[in-house]
N, C-alpha and C. Protein backbone atom coordinates (compact mmCIF):
# COMPACT_ATOMS: atom_id res chain seq x y z
N MET A 1 123.34 116.66 85.55
CA MET A 1 122.70 115.83 86.56
C MET A 1 123.45 115.93 87.89
N LYS A 2 124.82 115.86 87.82
CA LYS A 2 125.62 115.96 89.04
C LYS A 2 125.44 117.32 89.71
N VAL A 3 125.32 118.36 88.90
CA VAL A 3 125.13 119.70 89.44
C VAL A 3 123.81 119.78 90.18
N VAL A 4 122.77 119.21 89.61
CA VAL A 4 121.44 119.23 90.24
C VAL A 4 121.48 118.47 91.56
N LEU A 5 122.06 117.28 91.56
CA LEU A 5 122.16 116.49 92.79
C LEU A 5 122.97 117.20 93.85
N SER A 6 124.07 117.82 93.44
CA SER A 6 124.89 118.57 94.39
C SER A 6 124.12 119.73 94.99
N SER A 7 123.36 120.43 94.16
CA SER A 7 122.55 121.56 94.63
C SER A 7 121.50 121.10 95.63
N ILE A 8 120.87 119.98 95.33
CA ILE A 8 119.85 119.44 96.23
C ILE A 8 120.48 119.06 97.57
N LEU A 9 121.62 118.39 97.55
CA LEU A 9 122.28 117.99 98.79
C LEU A 9 122.70 119.20 99.62
N VAL A 10 123.24 120.23 98.99
CA VAL A 10 123.63 121.44 99.71
C VAL A 10 122.39 122.09 100.30
N GLY A 11 121.31 122.18 99.55
CA GLY A 11 120.07 122.77 100.05
C GLY A 11 119.51 122.01 101.23
N LEU A 12 119.50 120.70 101.15
CA LEU A 12 119.00 119.89 102.26
C LEU A 12 119.87 120.05 103.50
N THR A 13 121.17 120.09 103.32
CA THR A 13 122.08 120.26 104.43
C THR A 13 121.86 121.60 105.11
N LEU A 14 121.75 122.66 104.33
CA LEU A 14 121.54 123.98 104.91
C LEU A 14 120.19 124.09 105.59
N SER A 15 119.15 123.55 105.00
CA SER A 15 117.83 123.63 105.64
C SER A 15 117.78 122.79 106.89
N GLY A 16 118.46 121.66 106.90
CA GLY A 16 118.49 120.82 108.09
C GLY A 16 119.22 121.50 109.23
N CYS A 17 120.31 122.20 108.93
CA CYS A 17 121.07 122.88 109.96
C CYS A 17 120.32 124.07 110.55
N SER A 18 119.44 124.67 109.79
CA SER A 18 118.73 125.84 110.29
C SER A 18 117.73 125.48 111.37
N ASN A 19 117.29 124.23 111.44
CA ASN A 19 116.34 123.82 112.46
C ASN A 19 116.99 123.59 113.81
N PHE A 20 118.29 123.34 113.85
CA PHE A 20 118.96 123.02 115.09
C PHE A 20 120.15 123.93 115.26
N SER A 21 120.11 124.75 116.26
CA SER A 21 121.22 125.62 116.57
C SER A 21 121.72 125.25 117.96
N PRO A 22 123.05 125.07 118.13
CA PRO A 22 123.55 124.72 119.45
C PRO A 22 123.34 125.84 120.46
N LYS A 23 123.28 127.08 120.02
CA LYS A 23 123.02 128.19 120.92
C LYS A 23 121.52 128.31 121.14
N ILE A 24 121.15 128.37 122.42
CA ILE A 24 119.74 128.49 122.76
C ILE A 24 119.38 129.98 122.80
N ALA A 25 118.33 130.35 122.10
CA ALA A 25 117.89 131.75 122.02
C ALA A 25 117.44 132.25 123.40
N ASP A 26 117.48 133.57 123.58
CA ASP A 26 117.00 134.17 124.82
C ASP A 26 115.55 133.77 125.08
N ASN A 27 115.23 133.50 126.35
CA ASN A 27 113.87 133.14 126.78
C ASN A 27 113.40 131.83 126.15
N HIS A 28 114.33 130.97 125.74
CA HIS A 28 113.99 129.70 125.13
C HIS A 28 114.71 128.53 125.81
N LEU A 29 114.32 127.35 125.45
CA LEU A 29 114.94 126.11 125.89
C LEU A 29 115.05 125.21 124.67
N ARG A 30 115.91 124.21 124.76
CA ARG A 30 116.00 123.22 123.68
C ARG A 30 115.39 121.93 124.18
N PHE A 31 114.60 121.28 123.33
CA PHE A 31 113.92 120.05 123.69
C PHE A 31 114.28 118.95 122.69
N GLU A 32 114.74 117.81 123.22
CA GLU A 32 115.17 116.70 122.38
C GLU A 32 114.25 115.50 122.59
N ASN A 33 113.85 114.89 121.52
CA ASN A 33 113.09 113.65 121.58
C ASN A 33 114.06 112.48 121.74
N PHE A 34 113.52 111.31 122.05
CA PHE A 34 114.34 110.12 122.26
C PHE A 34 114.13 109.13 121.11
N ARG A 35 115.24 108.59 120.61
CA ARG A 35 115.15 107.57 119.57
C ARG A 35 116.27 106.56 119.79
N ARG A 36 115.90 105.30 119.77
CA ARG A 36 116.88 104.21 119.87
C ARG A 36 116.55 103.19 118.80
N LEU A 37 117.51 102.93 117.94
CA LEU A 37 117.37 101.92 116.89
C LEU A 37 118.44 100.86 117.16
N GLN A 38 118.01 99.65 117.41
CA GLN A 38 118.96 98.57 117.64
C GLN A 38 118.46 97.34 116.90
N ASN A 39 119.28 96.89 115.95
CA ASN A 39 118.87 95.79 115.08
C ASN A 39 117.56 96.17 114.42
N TYR A 40 116.49 95.43 114.68
CA TYR A 40 115.19 95.76 114.09
C TYR A 40 114.25 96.41 115.10
N ASP A 41 114.70 96.60 116.32
CA ASP A 41 113.86 97.22 117.34
C ASP A 41 113.96 98.74 117.29
N VAL A 42 112.81 99.39 117.39
CA VAL A 42 112.74 100.85 117.38
C VAL A 42 112.05 101.32 118.65
N GLU A 43 112.64 102.31 119.31
CA GLU A 43 112.03 102.98 120.46
C GLU A 43 111.99 104.47 120.14
N LEU A 44 110.80 105.03 120.12
CA LEU A 44 110.62 106.45 119.87
C LEU A 44 109.81 107.05 121.01
N VAL A 45 110.31 108.11 121.60
CA VAL A 45 109.57 108.88 122.60
C VAL A 45 109.71 110.33 122.17
N TYR A 46 108.59 110.98 121.87
CA TYR A 46 108.68 112.31 121.27
C TYR A 46 107.47 113.17 121.60
N LEU A 47 107.70 114.49 121.49
CA LEU A 47 106.58 115.43 121.62
C LEU A 47 105.61 115.13 120.49
N MET A 48 104.39 114.85 120.85
CA MET A 48 103.37 114.45 119.88
C MET A 48 102.86 115.64 119.07
N CYS A 49 103.12 116.85 119.55
CA CYS A 49 102.53 118.03 118.92
C CYS A 49 103.58 119.09 118.60
N GLU A 50 103.31 119.82 117.54
CA GLU A 50 104.06 121.02 117.20
C GLU A 50 103.10 121.95 116.48
N ASN A 51 103.13 123.23 116.84
CA ASN A 51 102.17 124.21 116.32
C ASN A 51 100.74 123.74 116.56
N HIS A 52 100.54 123.09 117.70
CA HIS A 52 99.22 122.61 118.14
C HIS A 52 98.60 121.59 117.19
N ARG A 53 99.47 120.85 116.47
CA ARG A 53 99.00 119.78 115.58
C ARG A 53 99.86 118.54 115.80
N PRO A 54 99.30 117.34 115.60
CA PRO A 54 100.08 116.11 115.76
C PRO A 54 101.24 116.04 114.75
N VAL A 55 102.39 115.55 115.23
CA VAL A 55 103.57 115.34 114.39
C VAL A 55 104.21 114.00 114.74
N SER A 56 105.15 113.59 113.90
CA SER A 56 105.96 112.42 114.18
C SER A 56 107.24 112.86 114.86
N TRP A 57 108.12 111.91 115.10
CA TRP A 57 109.40 112.20 115.73
C TRP A 57 110.14 113.28 114.93
N THR A 58 110.75 114.24 115.63
CA THR A 58 111.50 115.32 114.97
C THR A 58 112.84 115.52 115.66
N SER A 59 113.72 116.25 114.99
CA SER A 59 115.00 116.62 115.57
C SER A 59 114.78 117.65 116.68
N PRO A 60 115.83 117.98 117.47
CA PRO A 60 115.66 118.94 118.56
C PRO A 60 115.09 120.27 118.08
N LYS A 61 114.28 120.87 118.94
CA LYS A 61 113.64 122.15 118.64
C LYS A 61 113.81 123.08 119.84
N GLN A 62 113.64 124.37 119.59
CA GLN A 62 113.63 125.35 120.67
C GLN A 62 112.21 125.86 120.88
N PHE A 63 111.87 126.01 122.16
CA PHE A 63 110.55 126.51 122.55
C PHE A 63 110.74 127.58 123.62
N THR A 64 109.75 128.43 123.78
CA THR A 64 109.77 129.44 124.83
C THR A 64 109.81 128.75 126.19
N SER A 65 110.61 129.27 127.10
CA SER A 65 110.72 128.68 128.43
C SER A 65 109.47 129.01 129.25
N GLY A 66 109.29 128.32 130.38
CA GLY A 66 108.18 128.55 131.29
C GLY A 66 107.31 127.33 131.46
N GLU A 67 106.06 127.57 131.86
CA GLU A 67 105.10 126.49 132.10
C GLU A 67 104.67 125.87 130.78
N HIS A 68 104.68 124.54 130.75
CA HIS A 68 104.28 123.83 129.54
C HIS A 68 103.33 122.68 129.84
N ASP A 69 102.44 122.45 128.91
CA ASP A 69 101.53 121.31 128.90
C ASP A 69 101.90 120.52 127.65
N LEU A 70 102.62 119.40 127.84
CA LEU A 70 103.22 118.67 126.73
C LEU A 70 102.61 117.29 126.57
N TRP A 71 102.16 116.98 125.37
CA TRP A 71 101.68 115.66 125.02
C TRP A 71 102.84 114.87 124.42
N VAL A 72 103.05 113.67 124.94
CA VAL A 72 104.18 112.84 124.52
C VAL A 72 103.67 111.48 124.07
N LYS A 73 104.25 111.01 122.97
CA LYS A 73 103.93 109.67 122.46
C LYS A 73 105.17 108.80 122.58
N ALA A 74 104.97 107.58 123.09
CA ALA A 74 106.02 106.57 123.12
C ALA A 74 105.58 105.45 122.19
N LYS A 75 106.48 105.06 121.30
CA LYS A 75 106.13 104.05 120.29
C LYS A 75 107.27 103.04 120.20
N PHE A 76 106.93 101.76 120.33
CA PHE A 76 107.93 100.69 120.37
C PHE A 76 107.51 99.58 119.44
N GLY A 77 108.45 99.10 118.62
CA GLY A 77 108.11 98.02 117.72
C GLY A 77 109.25 97.57 116.85
N ASP A 78 108.91 96.73 115.92
CA ASP A 78 109.83 96.18 114.94
C ASP A 78 109.82 97.12 113.73
N ILE A 79 110.99 97.52 113.27
CA ILE A 79 111.09 98.49 112.18
C ILE A 79 110.34 98.06 110.92
N GLU A 80 110.22 96.76 110.70
CA GLU A 80 109.51 96.27 109.52
C GLU A 80 108.00 96.26 109.70
N ARG A 81 107.54 96.43 110.95
CA ARG A 81 106.10 96.40 111.21
C ARG A 81 105.68 97.55 112.12
N MET A 82 106.15 98.75 111.83
CA MET A 82 105.84 99.90 112.69
C MET A 82 104.35 100.20 112.72
N SER A 83 103.61 99.75 111.73
CA SER A 83 102.17 99.98 111.75
C SER A 83 101.51 99.18 112.87
N SER A 84 102.17 98.16 113.38
CA SER A 84 101.62 97.38 114.49
C SER A 84 102.40 97.62 115.79
N ALA A 85 103.15 98.73 115.85
CA ALA A 85 103.92 99.06 117.05
C ALA A 85 103.00 99.41 118.21
N LYS A 86 103.42 99.08 119.41
CA LYS A 86 102.66 99.44 120.60
C LYS A 86 103.03 100.86 121.00
N GLU A 87 102.07 101.56 121.60
CA GLU A 87 102.32 102.94 121.97
C GLU A 87 101.61 103.31 123.25
N ALA A 88 102.03 104.43 123.82
CA ALA A 88 101.39 105.03 124.99
C ALA A 88 101.44 106.55 124.80
N ILE A 89 100.42 107.21 125.30
CA ILE A 89 100.34 108.68 125.23
C ILE A 89 100.27 109.19 126.67
N VAL A 90 101.11 110.19 126.99
CA VAL A 90 101.08 110.79 128.33
C VAL A 90 101.09 112.31 128.20
N ASN A 91 100.72 112.97 129.29
CA ASN A 91 100.67 114.43 129.33
C ASN A 91 101.49 114.91 130.52
N PHE A 92 102.43 115.80 130.25
CA PHE A 92 103.25 116.40 131.29
C PHE A 92 102.88 117.87 131.45
N LYS A 93 102.72 118.29 132.69
CA LYS A 93 102.59 119.70 133.02
C LYS A 93 103.86 120.03 133.81
N VAL A 94 104.71 120.87 133.20
CA VAL A 94 106.05 121.07 133.74
C VAL A 94 106.54 122.48 133.48
N ASN A 95 107.40 122.99 134.38
CA ASN A 95 108.03 124.29 134.20
C ASN A 95 109.46 124.05 133.71
N LEU A 96 109.79 124.59 132.54
CA LEU A 96 111.10 124.38 131.93
C LEU A 96 111.85 125.70 131.86
N ASP A 97 113.08 125.70 132.37
CA ASP A 97 113.87 126.92 132.54
C ASP A 97 114.53 127.40 131.25
N GLU A 98 114.71 128.69 131.18
CA GLU A 98 115.38 129.34 130.05
C GLU A 98 116.83 128.90 129.96
N GLY A 99 117.30 128.69 128.74
CA GLY A 99 118.70 128.41 128.51
C GLY A 99 119.13 126.97 128.72
N LYS A 100 118.21 126.11 129.12
CA LYS A 100 118.56 124.71 129.38
C LYS A 100 118.11 123.81 128.24
N ALA A 101 118.73 122.65 128.18
CA ALA A 101 118.35 121.63 127.20
C ALA A 101 117.69 120.48 127.96
N TYR A 102 116.57 120.02 127.43
CA TYR A 102 115.81 118.93 128.05
C TYR A 102 115.63 117.81 127.05
N MET A 103 115.40 116.62 127.58
CA MET A 103 115.15 115.47 126.72
C MET A 103 114.16 114.53 127.38
N LEU A 104 113.48 113.76 126.54
CA LEU A 104 112.59 112.72 127.03
C LEU A 104 113.41 111.46 127.28
N ASN A 105 113.00 110.70 128.28
CA ASN A 105 113.66 109.42 128.54
C ASN A 105 112.60 108.41 128.95
N ARG A 106 113.01 107.13 129.01
CA ARG A 106 112.03 106.07 129.24
C ARG A 106 112.69 104.88 129.92
N ASN A 107 111.82 104.03 130.50
CA ASN A 107 112.21 102.72 131.02
C ASN A 107 111.08 101.78 130.64
N VAL A 108 111.42 100.70 129.93
CA VAL A 108 110.41 99.77 129.44
C VAL A 108 110.54 98.45 130.20
N LYS A 109 109.41 97.97 130.72
CA LYS A 109 109.36 96.66 131.36
C LYS A 109 108.12 95.95 130.85
N ALA A 110 108.35 94.85 130.14
CA ALA A 110 107.26 94.07 129.54
C ALA A 110 106.40 94.99 128.70
N ASP A 111 105.11 95.12 129.03
CA ASP A 111 104.20 95.96 128.26
C ASP A 111 103.87 97.28 128.95
N THR A 112 104.80 97.78 129.77
CA THR A 112 104.60 99.10 130.38
C THR A 112 105.83 99.96 130.11
N VAL A 113 105.60 101.25 130.07
CA VAL A 113 106.69 102.20 129.87
C VAL A 113 106.56 103.31 130.90
N SER A 114 107.67 103.67 131.50
CA SER A 114 107.74 104.83 132.39
C SER A 114 108.44 105.94 131.62
N LEU A 115 107.85 107.13 131.62
CA LEU A 115 108.36 108.26 130.84
C LEU A 115 108.61 109.45 131.75
N TRP A 116 109.64 110.25 131.41
CA TRP A 116 109.93 111.46 132.15
C TRP A 116 110.72 112.42 131.27
N ILE A 117 110.82 113.67 131.78
CA ILE A 117 111.63 114.70 131.14
C ILE A 117 112.80 114.97 132.06
N GLN A 118 114.00 115.06 131.46
CA GLN A 118 115.19 115.32 132.25
C GLN A 118 116.05 116.37 131.57
N GLU A 119 116.92 117.01 132.37
CA GLU A 119 117.90 117.91 131.79
C GLU A 119 118.88 117.08 130.99
N SER A 120 119.21 117.51 129.79
CA SER A 120 120.09 116.75 128.91
C SER A 120 121.50 116.60 129.48
N GLU A 121 122.04 117.69 130.02
CA GLU A 121 123.44 117.66 130.48
C GLU A 121 123.62 116.93 131.80
N THR A 122 122.72 117.14 132.75
CA THR A 122 122.91 116.59 134.10
C THR A 122 122.15 115.30 134.34
N GLY A 123 121.10 115.04 133.55
CA GLY A 123 120.25 113.87 133.79
C GLY A 123 119.24 114.10 134.90
N LEU A 124 119.19 115.30 135.46
CA LEU A 124 118.26 115.63 136.54
C LEU A 124 116.83 115.54 136.02
N VAL A 125 115.99 114.73 136.68
CA VAL A 125 114.60 114.57 136.28
C VAL A 125 113.81 115.80 136.72
N VAL A 126 113.10 116.44 135.78
CA VAL A 126 112.39 117.69 136.07
C VAL A 126 110.87 117.54 135.99
N SER A 127 110.41 116.33 135.73
CA SER A 127 108.96 116.09 135.63
C SER A 127 108.61 114.90 136.52
N GLU A 128 107.33 114.68 136.64
CA GLU A 128 106.92 113.43 137.29
C GLU A 128 107.27 112.28 136.35
N VAL A 129 107.36 111.08 136.90
CA VAL A 129 107.56 109.88 136.09
C VAL A 129 106.19 109.25 135.91
N ILE A 130 105.75 109.12 134.67
CA ILE A 130 104.41 108.59 134.38
C ILE A 130 104.57 107.21 133.76
N THR A 131 103.86 106.24 134.31
CA THR A 131 103.90 104.87 133.80
C THR A 131 102.58 104.53 133.13
N GLU A 132 102.66 104.02 131.91
CA GLU A 132 101.48 103.66 131.13
C GLU A 132 101.67 102.29 130.50
N LYS A 133 100.58 101.66 130.19
CA LYS A 133 100.60 100.38 129.48
C LYS A 133 100.83 100.65 127.99
N LEU A 134 101.70 99.85 127.38
CA LEU A 134 101.91 99.93 125.93
C LEU A 134 100.86 99.07 125.25
N GLU A 135 100.13 99.67 124.32
CA GLU A 135 99.05 98.95 123.64
C GLU A 135 99.08 99.25 122.15
N LEU A 136 98.47 98.38 121.37
CA LEU A 136 98.28 98.67 119.96
C LEU A 136 97.37 99.88 119.85
N PRO A 137 97.67 100.80 118.95
CA PRO A 137 96.85 102.02 118.86
C PRO A 137 95.41 101.71 118.46
N ASN A 138 94.51 102.36 119.17
CA ASN A 138 93.09 102.27 118.83
C ASN A 138 92.71 103.43 117.94
N PHE A 139 91.60 103.30 117.23
CA PHE A 139 91.08 104.42 116.47
C PHE A 139 90.57 105.46 117.46
N VAL A 140 91.08 106.68 117.38
CA VAL A 140 90.71 107.71 118.34
C VAL A 140 90.06 108.93 117.68
N GLY A 141 89.74 108.83 116.40
CA GLY A 141 89.10 109.95 115.71
C GLY A 141 89.98 111.18 115.77
N ASN A 142 89.41 112.31 116.18
CA ASN A 142 90.19 113.55 116.23
C ASN A 142 90.70 113.87 117.64
N LEU A 143 90.81 112.85 118.50
CA LEU A 143 91.31 113.04 119.86
C LEU A 143 92.71 113.63 119.88
N ARG A 144 93.61 113.15 119.05
CA ARG A 144 94.99 113.66 119.04
C ARG A 144 95.02 115.14 118.66
N GLU A 145 94.19 115.55 117.71
CA GLU A 145 94.12 116.97 117.35
C GLU A 145 93.65 117.80 118.53
N LYS A 146 92.65 117.32 119.25
CA LYS A 146 92.14 118.05 120.42
C LYS A 146 93.20 118.12 121.51
N GLN A 147 93.92 117.02 121.73
CA GLN A 147 94.99 117.03 122.72
C GLN A 147 96.04 118.07 122.35
N CYS A 148 96.44 118.09 121.09
CA CYS A 148 97.46 119.05 120.64
C CYS A 148 96.99 120.49 120.77
N GLU A 149 95.72 120.72 120.49
CA GLU A 149 95.18 122.08 120.65
C GLU A 149 95.24 122.54 122.09
N SER A 150 95.13 121.60 123.05
CA SER A 150 95.15 121.95 124.47
C SER A 150 96.56 122.13 125.01
N GLY A 151 97.58 121.68 124.28
CA GLY A 151 98.96 121.78 124.74
C GLY A 151 99.58 123.14 124.47
N THR A 152 100.81 123.30 124.88
CA THR A 152 101.49 124.60 124.74
C THR A 152 102.46 124.65 123.56
N VAL A 153 102.67 123.52 122.87
CA VAL A 153 103.56 123.57 121.69
C VAL A 153 102.83 123.01 120.49
């Protein structure tokens, strides 16, 4: 039993490390999502799409550099009631340079959130700052799939 558990842990560790490499590949950039957990409050700001399909929050990923059309979801709530968390969806059209690391950031005031993309190391804002109202998610049918199909990641 111990051997099996050890094997599983080693496998998970190795597979987890393969998704994140500190070295950025040629013609690529690294993109980091935002997550803040404090007490029972959760703040998630993340690329809503990967492989042109909706996804949840993920660890840093590398993407080809250049012009991007990125769909971003911001989700805020109580960890015990994430199904009733408020959210906002925004779209960034931005040019991201090769070899750099970028991250999403936010500023929350009452029921609004301002979102932007910045360089991870310098904090330099590289996108417009978009402000949206945080609302309980509505039923949107296949809208998220269509949004992801229109994006670049």
